[in-house]
PDB file of N, CA and C in Angstrom:
ATOM      1  N   MET A   1     -48.187 -25.683 -60.448  1.00  0.00           N
ATOM      2  CA  MET A   1     -48.877 -24.884 -61.437  1.00  0.00           C
ATOM      3  C   MET A   1     -49.625 -25.774 -62.433  1.00  0.00           C
ATOM      4  N   ILE A   2     -49.046 -26.918 -62.774  1.00  0.00           N
ATOM      5  CA  ILE A   2     -49.695 -27.819 -63.726  1.00  0.00           C
ATOM      6  C   ILE A   2     -50.995 -28.381 -63.133  1.00  0.00           C
ATOM      7  N   LYS A   3     -51.030 -28.581 -61.822  1.00  0.00           N
ATOM      8  CA  LYS A   3     -52.232 -29.094 -61.174  1.00  0.00           C
ATOM      9  C   LYS A   3     -53.408 -28.147 -61.380  1.00  0.00           C
ATOM     10  N   HIS A   4     -53.159 -26.863 -61.514  1.00  0.00           N
ATOM     11  CA  HIS A   4     -54.225 -25.881 -61.703  1.00  0.00           C
ATOM     12  C   HIS A   4     -54.728 -25.868 -63.147  1.00  0.00           C
ATOM     13  N   LEU A   5     -53.947 -26.375 -64.069  1.00  0.00           N
ATOM     14  CA  LEU A   5     -54.366 -26.417 -65.469  1.00  0.00           C
ATOM     15  C   LEU A   5     -55.368 -27.531 -65.734  1.00  0.00           C
ATOM     16  N   TYR A   6     -55.292 -28.624 -65.001  1.00  0.00           N
ATOM     17  CA  TYR A   6     -56.191 -29.753 -65.235  1.00  0.00           C
ATOM     18  C   TYR A   6     -57.664 -29.384 -65.037  1.00  0.00           C
ATOM     19  N   PRO A   7     -58.046 -28.746 -63.925  1.00  0.00           N
ATOM     20  CA  PRO A   7     -59.461 -28.380 -63.775  1.00  0.00           C
ATOM     21  C   PRO A   7     -59.921 -27.385 -64.853  1.00  0.00           C
ATOM     22  N   ALA A   8     -59.072 -26.460 -65.217  1.00  0.00           N
ATOM     23  CA  ALA A   8     -59.439 -25.482 -66.245  1.00  0.00           C
ATOM     24  C   ALA A   8     -59.602 -26.163 -67.594  1.00  0.00           C
ATOM     25  N   THR A   9     -58.713 -27.068 -67.923  1.00  0.00           N
ATOM     26  CA  THR A   9     -58.797 -27.795 -69.185  1.00  0.00           C
ATOM     27  C   THR A   9     -60.044 -28.672 -69.214  1.00  0.00           C
ATOM     28  N   PHE A  10     -60.319 -29.337 -68.120  1.00  0.00           N
ATOM     29  CA  PHE A  10     -61.498 -30.188 -68.026  1.00  0.00           C
ATOM     30  C   PHE A  10     -62.778 -29.362 -68.201  1.00  0.00           C
ATOM     31  N   THR A  11     -62.831 -28.210 -67.567  1.00  0.00           N
ATOM     32  CA  THR A  11     -63.996 -27.322 -67.682  1.00  0.00           C
ATOM     33  C   THR A  11     -64.185 -26.856 -69.116  1.00  0.00           C
ATOM     34  N   LEU A  12     -63.108 -26.484 -69.772  1.00  0.00           N
ATOM     35  CA  LEU A  12     -63.204 -26.052 -71.171  1.00  0.00           C
ATOM     36  C   LEU A  12     -63.686 -27.184 -72.071  1.00  0.00           C
ATOM     37  N   LEU A  13     -63.213 -28.389 -71.835  1.00  0.00           N
ATOM     38  CA  LEU A  13     -63.665 -29.544 -72.622  1.00  0.00           C
ATOM     39  C   LEU A  13     -65.151 -29.805 -72.413  1.00  0.00           C
ATOM     40  N   LEU A  14     -65.611 -29.683 -71.184  1.00  0.00           N
ATOM     41  CA  LEU A  14     -67.041 -29.865 -70.915  1.00  0.00           C
ATOM     42  C   LEU A  14     -67.881 -28.819 -71.636  1.00  0.00           C
ATOM     43  N   LEU A  15     -67.455 -27.576 -71.572  1.00  0.00           N
ATOM     44  CA  LEU A  15     -68.196 -26.502 -72.245  1.00  0.00           C
ATOM     45  C   LEU A  15     -68.214 -26.704 -73.752  1.00  0.00           C
ATOM     46  N   PHE A  16     -67.087 -27.102 -74.306  1.00  0.00           N
ATOM     47  CA  PHE A  16     -67.005 -27.333 -75.744  1.00  0.00           C
ATOM     48  C   PHE A  16     -67.913 -28.474 -76.168  1.00  0.00           C
ATOM     49  N   SER A  17     -67.898 -29.588 -75.414  1.00  0.00           N
ATOM     50  CA  SER A  17     -68.739 -30.725 -75.774  1.00  0.00           C
ATOM     51  C   SER A  17     -70.211 -30.389 -75.618  1.00  0.00           C
ATOM     52  N   ALA A  18     -70.576 -29.593 -74.623  1.00  0.00           N
ATOM     53  CA  ALA A  18     -71.968 -29.175 -74.458  1.00  0.00           C
ATOM     54  C   ALA A  18     -72.409 -28.308 -75.631  1.00  0.00           C
ATOM     55  N   SER A  19     -71.542 -27.458 -76.116  1.00  0.00           N
ATOM     56  CA  SER A  19     -71.905 -26.619 -77.257  1.00  0.00           C
ATOM     57  C   SER A  19     -72.078 -27.458 -78.513  1.00  0.00           C
ATOM     58  N   LEU A  20     -71.298 -28.527 -78.681  1.00  0.00           N
ATOM     59  CA  LEU A  20     -71.468 -29.427 -79.822  1.00  0.00           C
ATOM     60  C   LEU A  20     -72.809 -30.140 -79.765  1.00  0.00           C
ATOM     61  N   ILE A  21     -73.191 -30.583 -78.579  1.00  0.00           N
ATOM     62  CA  ILE A  21     -74.462 -31.277 -78.417  1.00  0.00           C
ATOM     63  C   ILE A  21     -75.611 -30.332 -78.756  1.00  0.00           C
ATOM     64  N   LEU A  22     -75.549 -29.111 -78.293  1.00  0.00           N
ATOM     65  CA  LEU A  22     -76.616 -28.146 -78.562  1.00  0.00           C
ATOM     66  C   LEU A  22     -76.729 -27.812 -80.036  1.00  0.00           C
ATOM     67  N   THR A  23     -75.641 -27.794 -80.749  1.00  0.00           N
ATOM     68  CA  THR A  23     -75.700 -27.438 -82.162  1.00  0.00           C
ATOM     69  C   THR A  23     -76.133 -28.600 -83.040  1.00  0.00           C
ATOM     70  N   THR A  24     -76.110 -29.838 -82.528  1.00  0.00           N
ATOM     71  CA  THR A  24     -76.522 -30.967 -83.349  1.00  0.00           C
ATOM     72  C   THR A  24     -77.974 -31.366 -83.127  1.00  0.00           C
ATOM     73  N   THR A  25     -78.653 -30.779 -82.144  1.00  0.00           N
ATOM     74  CA  THR A  25     -80.064 -31.085 -81.961  1.00  0.00           C
ATOM     75  C   THR A  25     -80.889 -30.304 -82.965  1.00  0.00           C
ATOM     76  N   ALA A  26     -82.138 -30.695 -83.114  1.00  0.00           N
ATOM     77  CA  ALA A  26     -83.006 -30.060 -84.106  1.00  0.00           C
ATOM     78  C   ALA A  26     -83.289 -28.615 -83.731  1.00  0.00           C
ATOM     79  N   GLU A  27     -83.155 -27.750 -84.679  1.00  0.00           N
ATOM     80  CA  GLU A  27     -83.499 -26.341 -84.524  1.00  0.00           C
ATOM     81  C   GLU A  27     -84.447 -25.991 -85.647  1.00  0.00           C
ATOM     82  N   PRO A  28     -85.411 -25.085 -85.387  1.00  0.00           N
ATOM     83  CA  PRO A  28     -86.386 -24.751 -86.412  1.00  0.00           C
ATOM     84  C   PRO A  28     -85.770 -24.274 -87.724  1.00  0.00           C
ATOM     85  N   ASP A  29     -84.616 -23.634 -87.690  1.00  0.00           N
ATOM     86  CA  ASP A  29     -84.026 -23.092 -88.906  1.00  0.00           C
ATOM     87  C   ASP A  29     -83.085 -24.081 -89.593  1.00  0.00           C
ATOM     88  N   SER A  30     -82.867 -25.228 -88.993  1.00  0.00           N
ATOM     89  CA  SER A  30     -81.917 -26.174 -89.569  1.00  0.00           C
ATOM     90  C   SER A  30     -82.592 -27.050 -90.608  1.00  0.00           C
ATOM     91  N   GLY A  31     -81.790 -27.803 -91.337  1.00  0.00           N
ATOM     92  CA  GLY A  31     -82.321 -28.718 -92.324  1.00  0.00           C
ATOM     93  C   GLY A  31     -82.735 -30.048 -91.715  1.00  0.00           C
ATOM     94  N   PHE A  32     -82.627 -30.166 -90.396  1.00  0.00           N
ATOM     95  CA  PHE A  32     -82.973 -31.419 -89.718  1.00  0.00           C
ATOM     96  C   PHE A  32     -84.393 -31.845 -90.065  1.00  0.00           C
ATOM     97  N   CYS A  33     -85.351 -30.964 -89.827  1.00  0.00           N
ATOM     98  CA  CYS A  33     -86.752 -31.318 -90.057  1.00  0.00           C
ATOM     99  C   CYS A  33     -87.033 -31.556 -91.538  1.00  0.00           C
ATOM    100  N   ASP A  34     -86.467 -30.735 -92.398  1.00  0.00           N
ATOM    101  CA  ASP A  34     -86.696 -30.909 -93.836  1.00  0.00           C
ATOM    102  C   ASP A  34     -86.246 -32.282 -94.303  1.00  0.00           C
ATOM    103  N   GLY A  35     -85.071 -32.687 -93.890  1.00  0.00           N
ATOM    104  CA  GLY A  35     -84.542 -33.988 -94.307  1.00  0.00           C
ATOM    105  C   GLY A  35     -85.338 -35.155 -93.751  1.00  0.00           C
ATOM    106  N   LYS A  36     -85.655 -35.095 -92.450  1.00  0.00           N
ATOM    107  CA  LYS A  36     -86.417 -36.172 -91.816  1.00  0.00           C
ATOM    108  C   LYS A  36     -87.822 -36.264 -92.406  1.00  0.00           C
ATOM    109  N   CYS A  37     -88.458 -35.115 -92.639  1.00  0.00           N
ATOM    110  CA  CYS A  37     -89.827 -35.121 -93.165  1.00  0.00           C
ATOM    111  C   CYS A  37     -89.870 -35.541 -94.631  1.00  0.00           C
ATOM    112  N   LYS A  38     -88.822 -35.248 -95.361  1.00  0.00           N
ATOM    113  CA  LYS A  38     -88.771 -35.689 -96.758  1.00  0.00           C
ATOM    114  C   LYS A  38     -88.796 -37.210 -96.820  1.00  0.00           C
ATOM    115  N   ILE A  39     -88.061 -37.849 -95.916  1.00  0.00           N
ATOM    116  CA  ILE A  39     -88.065 -39.313 -95.836  1.00  0.00           C
ATOM    117  C   ILE A  39     -89.420 -39.808 -95.343  1.00  0.00           C
ATOM    118  N   ARG A  40     -89.934 -39.202 -94.276  1.00  0.00           N
ATOM    119  CA  ARG A  40     -91.203 -39.626 -93.677  1.00  0.00           C
ATOM    120  C   ARG A  40     -92.351 -39.548 -94.691  1.00  0.00           C
ATOM    121  N   CYS A  41     -92.354 -38.534 -95.526  1.00  0.00           N
ATOM    122  CA  CYS A  41     -93.463 -38.297 -96.452  1.00  0.00           C
ATOM    123  C   CYS A  41     -93.202 -38.816 -97.865  1.00  0.00           C
ATOM    124  N   SER A  42     -92.133 -39.563 -98.055  1.00  0.00           N
ATOM    125  CA  SER A  42     -91.752 -39.993 -99.410  1.00  0.00           C
ATOM    126  C   SER A  42     -92.811 -40.848-100.099  1.00  0.00           C
ATOM    127  N   LYS A  43     -93.627 -41.558 -99.337  1.00  0.00           N
ATOM    128  CA  LYS A  43     -94.654 -42.409 -99.944  1.00  0.00           C
ATOM    129  C   LYS A  43     -96.069 -41.866 -99.745  1.00  0.00           C
ATOM    130  N   ALA A  44     -96.185 -40.642 -99.248  1.00  0.00           N
ATOM    131  CA  ALA A  44     -97.506 -40.056 -98.978  1.00  0.00           C
ATOM    132  C   ALA A  44     -98.232 -39.734-100.273  1.00  0.00           C
ATOM    133  N   GLY A  45     -99.546 -39.885-100.244  1.00  0.00           N
ATOM    134  CA  GLY A  45    -100.356 -39.576-101.423  1.00  0.00           C
ATOM    135  C   GLY A  45    -100.404 -38.086-101.700  1.00  0.00           C
ATOM    136  N   VAL A  46    -100.448 -37.284-100.635  1.00  0.00           N
ATOM    137  CA  VAL A  46    -100.499 -35.829-100.764  1.00  0.00           C
ATOM    138  C   VAL A  46     -99.228 -35.278-100.105  1.00  0.00           C
ATOM    139  N   GLN A  47     -98.182 -35.160-100.889  1.00  0.00           N
ATOM    140  CA  GLN A  47     -96.848 -34.787-100.387  1.00  0.00           C
ATOM    141  C   GLN A  47     -96.835 -33.439 -99.671  1.00  0.00           C
ATOM    142  N   ASP A  48     -97.421 -32.403-100.276  1.00  0.00           N
ATOM    143  CA  ASP A  48     -97.308 -31.071 -99.686  1.00  0.00           C
ATOM    144  C   ASP A  48     -97.977 -30.998 -98.317  1.00  0.00           C
ATOM    145  N   ARG A  49     -99.116 -31.653 -98.154  1.00  0.00           N
ATOM    146  CA  ARG A  49     -99.803 -31.642 -96.859  1.00  0.00           C
ATOM    147  C   ARG A  49     -99.002 -32.441 -95.833  1.00  0.00           C
ATOM    148  N   CYS A  50     -98.487 -33.585 -96.227  1.00  0.00           N
ATOM    149  CA  CYS A  50     -97.669 -34.398 -95.331  1.00  0.00           C
ATOM    150  C   CYS A  50     -96.447 -33.615 -94.861  1.00  0.00           C
ATOM    151  N   LEU A  51     -95.747 -32.977 -95.791  1.00  0.00           N
ATOM    152  CA  LEU A  51     -94.556 -32.201 -95.440  1.00  0.00           C
ATOM    153  C   LEU A  51     -94.894 -31.031 -94.521  1.00  0.00           C
ATOM    154  N   LYS A  52     -96.024 -30.378 -94.779  1.00  0.00           N
ATOM    155  CA  LYS A  52     -96.432 -29.235 -93.952  1.00  0.00           C
ATOM    156  C   LYS A  52     -96.619 -29.667 -92.496  1.00  0.00           C
ATOM    157  N   TYR A  53     -97.418 -30.716 -92.280  1.00  0.00           N
ATOM    158  CA  TYR A  53     -97.703 -31.137 -90.910  1.00  0.00           C
ATOM    159  C   TYR A  53     -96.521 -31.842 -90.256  1.00  0.00           C
ATOM    160  N   CYS A  54     -95.752 -32.558 -91.024  1.00  0.00           N
ATOM    161  CA  CYS A  54     -94.551 -33.187 -90.478  1.00  0.00           C
ATOM    162  C   CYS A  54     -93.580 -32.116 -89.975  1.00  0.00           C
ATOM    163  N   ASN A  55     -93.373 -31.078 -90.772  1.00  0.00           N
ATOM    164  CA  ASN A  55     -92.464 -29.997 -90.355  1.00  0.00           C
ATOM    165  C   ASN A  55     -92.987 -29.257 -89.133  1.00  0.00           C
ATOM    166  N   LEU A  56     -94.296 -29.022 -89.062  1.00  0.00           N
ATOM    167  CA  LEU A  56     -94.867 -28.374 -87.871  1.00  0.00           C
ATOM    168  C   LEU A  56     -94.601 -29.215 -86.628  1.00  0.00           C
ATOM    169  N   CYS A  57     -94.869 -30.506 -86.736  1.00  0.00           N
ATOM    170  CA  CYS A  57     -94.667 -31.400 -85.595  1.00  0.00           C
ATOM    171  C   CYS A  57     -93.191 -31.522 -85.233  1.00  0.00           C
ATOM    172  N   CYS A  58     -92.338 -31.601 -86.230  1.00  0.00           N
ATOM    173  CA  CYS A  58     -90.902 -31.716 -85.980  1.00  0.00           C
ATOM    174  C   CYS A  58     -90.369 -30.497 -85.240  1.00  0.00           C
ATOM    175  N   LYS A  59     -90.808 -29.333 -85.649  1.00  0.00           N
ATOM    176  CA  LYS A  59     -90.319 -28.108 -85.011  1.00  0.00           C
ATOM    177  C   LYS A  59     -90.791 -28.004 -83.567  1.00  0.00           C
ATOM    178  N   GLU A  60     -91.979 -28.536 -83.271  1.00  0.00           N
ATOM    179  CA  GLU A  60     -92.472 -28.515 -81.894  1.00  0.00           C
ATOM    180  C   GLU A  60     -91.832 -29.613 -81.048  1.00  0.00           C
ATOM    181  N   CYS A  61     -91.596 -30.766 -81.646  1.00  0.00           N
ATOM    182  CA  CYS A  61     -91.131 -31.942 -80.889  1.00  0.00           C
ATOM    183  C   CYS A  61     -89.633 -32.215 -81.007  1.00  0.00           C
ATOM    184  N   ASN A  62     -88.983 -31.627 -81.996  1.00  0.00           N
ATOM    185  CA  ASN A  62     -87.559 -31.857 -82.255  1.00  0.00           C
ATOM    186  C   ASN A  62     -87.251 -33.307 -82.585  1.00  0.00           C
ATOM    187  N   CYS A  63     -88.201 -34.006 -83.181  1.00  0.00           N
ATOM    188  CA  CYS A  63     -87.947 -35.368 -83.623  1.00  0.00           C
ATOM    189  C   CYS A  63     -89.007 -35.782 -84.645  1.00  0.00           C
ATOM    190  N   VAL A  64     -88.649 -36.778 -85.446  1.00  0.00           N
ATOM    191  CA  VAL A  64     -89.547 -37.376 -86.425  1.00  0.00           C
ATOM    192  C   VAL A  64     -89.293 -38.882 -86.366  1.00  0.00           C
ATOM    193  N   PRO A  65     -90.359 -39.693 -86.269  1.00  0.00           N
ATOM    194  CA  PRO A  65     -90.148 -41.143 -86.245  1.00  0.00           C
ATOM    195  C   PRO A  65     -89.486 -41.636 -87.529  1.00  0.00           C
ATOM    196  N   SER A  66     -88.749 -42.707 -87.433  1.00  0.00           N
ATOM    197  CA  SER A  66     -88.060 -43.255 -88.607  1.00  0.00           C
ATOM    198  C   SER A  66     -89.054 -43.935 -89.534  1.00  0.00           C
ATOM    199  N   GLY A  67     -88.666 -44.079 -90.766  1.00  0.00           N
ATOM    200  CA  GLY A  67     -89.498 -44.769 -91.744  1.00  0.00           C
ATOM    201  C   GLY A  67     -90.590 -43.885 -92.326  1.00  0.00           C
ATOM    202  N   THR A  68     -91.427 -44.499 -93.159  1.00  0.00           N
ATOM    203  CA  THR A  68     -92.484 -43.748 -93.836  1.00  0.00           C
ATOM    204  C   THR A  68     -93.834 -43.906 -93.156  1.00  0.00           C
ATOM    205  N   TYR A  69     -93.932 -44.828 -92.193  1.00  0.00           N
ATOM    206  CA  TYR A  69     -95.200 -45.070 -91.514  1.00  0.00           C
ATOM    207  C   TYR A  69     -94.933 -45.741 -90.170  1.00  0.00           C
ATOM    208  N   GLY A  70     -95.774 -45.439 -89.185  1.00  0.00           N
ATOM    209  CA  GLY A  70     -95.635 -46.087 -87.878  1.00  0.00           C
ATOM    210  C   GLY A  70     -94.436 -45.578 -87.102  1.00  0.00           C
ATOM    211  N   ASN A  71     -93.931 -46.378 -86.208  1.00  0.00           N
ATOM    212  CA  ASN A  71     -92.763 -46.082 -85.365  1.00  0.00           C
ATOM    213  C   ASN A  71     -92.946 -44.832 -84.503  1.00  0.00           C
ATOM    214  N   LYS A  72     -94.181 -44.422 -84.255  1.00  0.00           N
ATOM    215  CA  LYS A  72     -94.412 -43.182 -83.506  1.00  0.00           C
ATOM    216  C   LYS A  72     -94.000 -43.280 -82.040  1.00  0.00           C
ATOM    217  N   ASP A  73     -93.793 -44.501 -81.540  1.00  0.00           N
ATOM    218  CA  ASP A  73     -93.329 -44.639 -80.160  1.00  0.00           C
ATOM    219  C   ASP A  73     -91.918 -44.093 -79.982  1.00  0.00           C
ATOM    220  N   GLU A  74     -91.187 -43.920 -81.067  1.00  0.00           N
ATOM    221  CA  GLU A  74     -89.839 -43.333 -81.005  1.00  0.00           C
ATOM    222  C   GLU A  74     -89.898 -41.859 -80.599  1.00  0.00           C
ATOM    223  N   CYS A  75     -91.049 -41.234 -80.804  1.00  0.00           N
ATOM    224  CA  CYS A  75     -91.190 -39.800 -80.536  1.00  0.00           C
ATOM    225  C   CYS A  75     -92.561 -39.540 -79.906  1.00  0.00           C
ATOM    226  N   PRO A  76     -92.678 -39.669 -78.576  1.00  0.00           N
ATOM    227  CA  PRO A  76     -93.974 -39.522 -77.917  1.00  0.00           C
ATOM    228  C   PRO A  76     -94.659 -38.178 -78.167  1.00  0.00           C
ATOM    229  N   CYS A  77     -93.913 -37.095 -78.223  1.00  0.00           N
ATOM    230  CA  CYS A  77     -94.498 -35.778 -78.494  1.00  0.00           C
ATOM    231  C   CYS A  77     -95.184 -35.792 -79.856  1.00  0.00           C
ATOM    232  N   TYR A  78     -94.523 -36.316 -80.852  1.00  0.00           N
ATOM    233  CA  TYR A  78     -95.038 -36.419 -82.215  1.00  0.00           C
ATOM    234  C   TYR A  78     -96.285 -37.309 -82.229  1.00  0.00           C
ATOM    235  N   ARG A  79     -96.222 -38.411 -81.509  1.00  0.00           N
ATOM    236  CA  ARG A  79     -97.321 -39.377 -81.444  1.00  0.00           C
ATOM    237  C   ARG A  79     -98.562 -38.791 -80.779  1.00  0.00           C
ATOM    238  N   ASP A  80     -98.385 -37.968 -79.747  1.00  0.00           N
ATOM    239  CA  ASP A  80     -99.495 -37.510 -78.919  1.00  0.00           C
ATOM    240  C   ASP A  80    -100.160 -36.220 -79.401  1.00  0.00           C
ATOM    241  N   LYS A  81     -99.765 -35.684 -80.539  1.00  0.00           N
ATOM    242  CA  LYS A  81    -100.399 -34.479 -81.073  1.00  0.00           C
ATOM    243  C   LYS A  81    -101.643 -34.869 -81.867  1.00  0.00           C
ATOM    244  N   TYR A  82    -102.753 -34.240 -81.523  1.00  0.00           N
ATOM    245  CA  TYR A  82    -104.016 -34.511 -82.208  1.00  0.00           C
ATOM    246  C   TYR A  82    -104.645 -33.208 -82.666  1.00  0.00           C
ATOM    247  N   THR A  83    -105.510 -33.314 -83.648  1.00  0.00           N
ATOM    248  CA  THR A  83    -106.276 -32.179 -84.126  1.00  0.00           C
ATOM    249  C   THR A  83    -107.743 -32.588 -84.126  1.00  0.00           C
ATOM    250  N   GLY A  84    -108.633 -31.631 -83.974  1.00  0.00           N
ATOM    251  CA  GLY A  84    -110.065 -31.924 -83.930  1.00  0.00           C
ATOM    252  C   GLY A  84    -110.500 -32.401 -82.562  1.00  0.00           C
ATOM    253  N   GLU A  85    -111.816 -32.515 -82.399  1.00  0.00           N
ATOM    254  CA  GLU A  85    -112.386 -32.971 -81.134  1.00  0.00           C
ATOM    255  C   GLU A  85    -113.467 -34.003 -81.393  1.00  0.00           C
ATOM    256  N   GLY A  86    -113.778 -34.790 -80.370  1.00  0.00           N
ATOM    257  CA  GLY A  86    -114.842 -35.778 -80.479  1.00  0.00           C
ATOM    258  C   GLY A  86    -114.594 -36.777 -81.592  1.00  0.00           C
ATOM    259  N   LYS A  87    -115.597 -36.965 -82.465  1.00  0.00           N
ATOM    260  CA  LYS A  87    -115.483 -37.911 -83.565  1.00  0.00           C
ATOM    261  C   LYS A  87    -114.461 -37.470 -84.602  1.00  0.00           C
ATOM    262  N   ARG A  88    -114.172 -36.184 -84.636  1.00  0.00           N
ATOM    263  CA  ARG A  88    -113.222 -35.653 -85.623  1.00  0.00           C
ATOM    264  C   ARG A  88    -111.771 -35.678 -85.125  1.00  0.00           C
ATOM    265  N   ARG A  89    -111.551 -36.162 -83.910  1.00  0.00           N
ATOM    266  CA  ARG A  89    -110.192 -36.211 -83.365  1.00  0.00           C
ATOM    267  C   ARG A  89    -109.352 -37.205 -84.137  1.00  0.00           C
ATOM    268  N   ARG A  90    -108.203 -36.733 -84.618  1.00  0.00           N
ATOM    269  CA  ARG A  90    -107.308 -37.589 -85.400  1.00  0.00           C
ATOM    270  C   ARG A  90    -105.865 -37.127 -85.190  1.00  0.00           C
ATOM    271  N   PRO A  91    -104.901 -37.987 -85.476  1.00  0.00           N
ATOM    272  CA  PRO A  91    -103.490 -37.595 -85.309  1.00  0.00           C
ATOM    273  C   PRO A  91    -103.142 -36.397 -86.193  1.00  0.00           C
ATOM    274  N   LYS A  92    -102.377 -35.474 -85.624  1.00  0.00           N
ATOM    275  CA  LYS A  92    -101.949 -34.297 -86.383  1.00  0.00           C
ATOM    276  C   LYS A  92    -100.715 -34.595 -87.215  1.00  0.00           C
ATOM    277  N   CYS A  93     -99.840 -35.411 -86.683  1.00  0.00           N
ATOM    278  CA  CYS A  93     -98.538 -35.648 -87.317  1.00  0.00           C
ATOM    279  C   CYS A  93     -98.561 -36.924 -88.155  1.00  0.00           C
ATOM    280  N   PRO A  94     -98.071 -36.835 -89.396  1.00  0.00           N
ATOM    281  CA  PRO A  94     -98.082 -38.009 -90.275  1.00  0.00           C
ATOM    282  C   PRO A  94     -97.067 -39.075 -89.864  1.00  0.00           C
TER     283      PRO A  94
END
């Protein structure tokens, strides 16, 4: 009978750990993006615009590069978002 408890216990542990992982990733309603973008935009000249676009990008990409500038290779989705076309094409995410 104990042999039958091991697979059930293992399955429950897997399900529990998967639920923990899902709850710690970025969600649009969580404070994840707010906190990361506050750091990212801390040295921006126009704070409200930086925070607006950082939060938009974070919610779409579920990540924000570390630091206040650069490091966009840490988050390819964030790095590859652009706005405008032709000569007006520029990065969307700060």
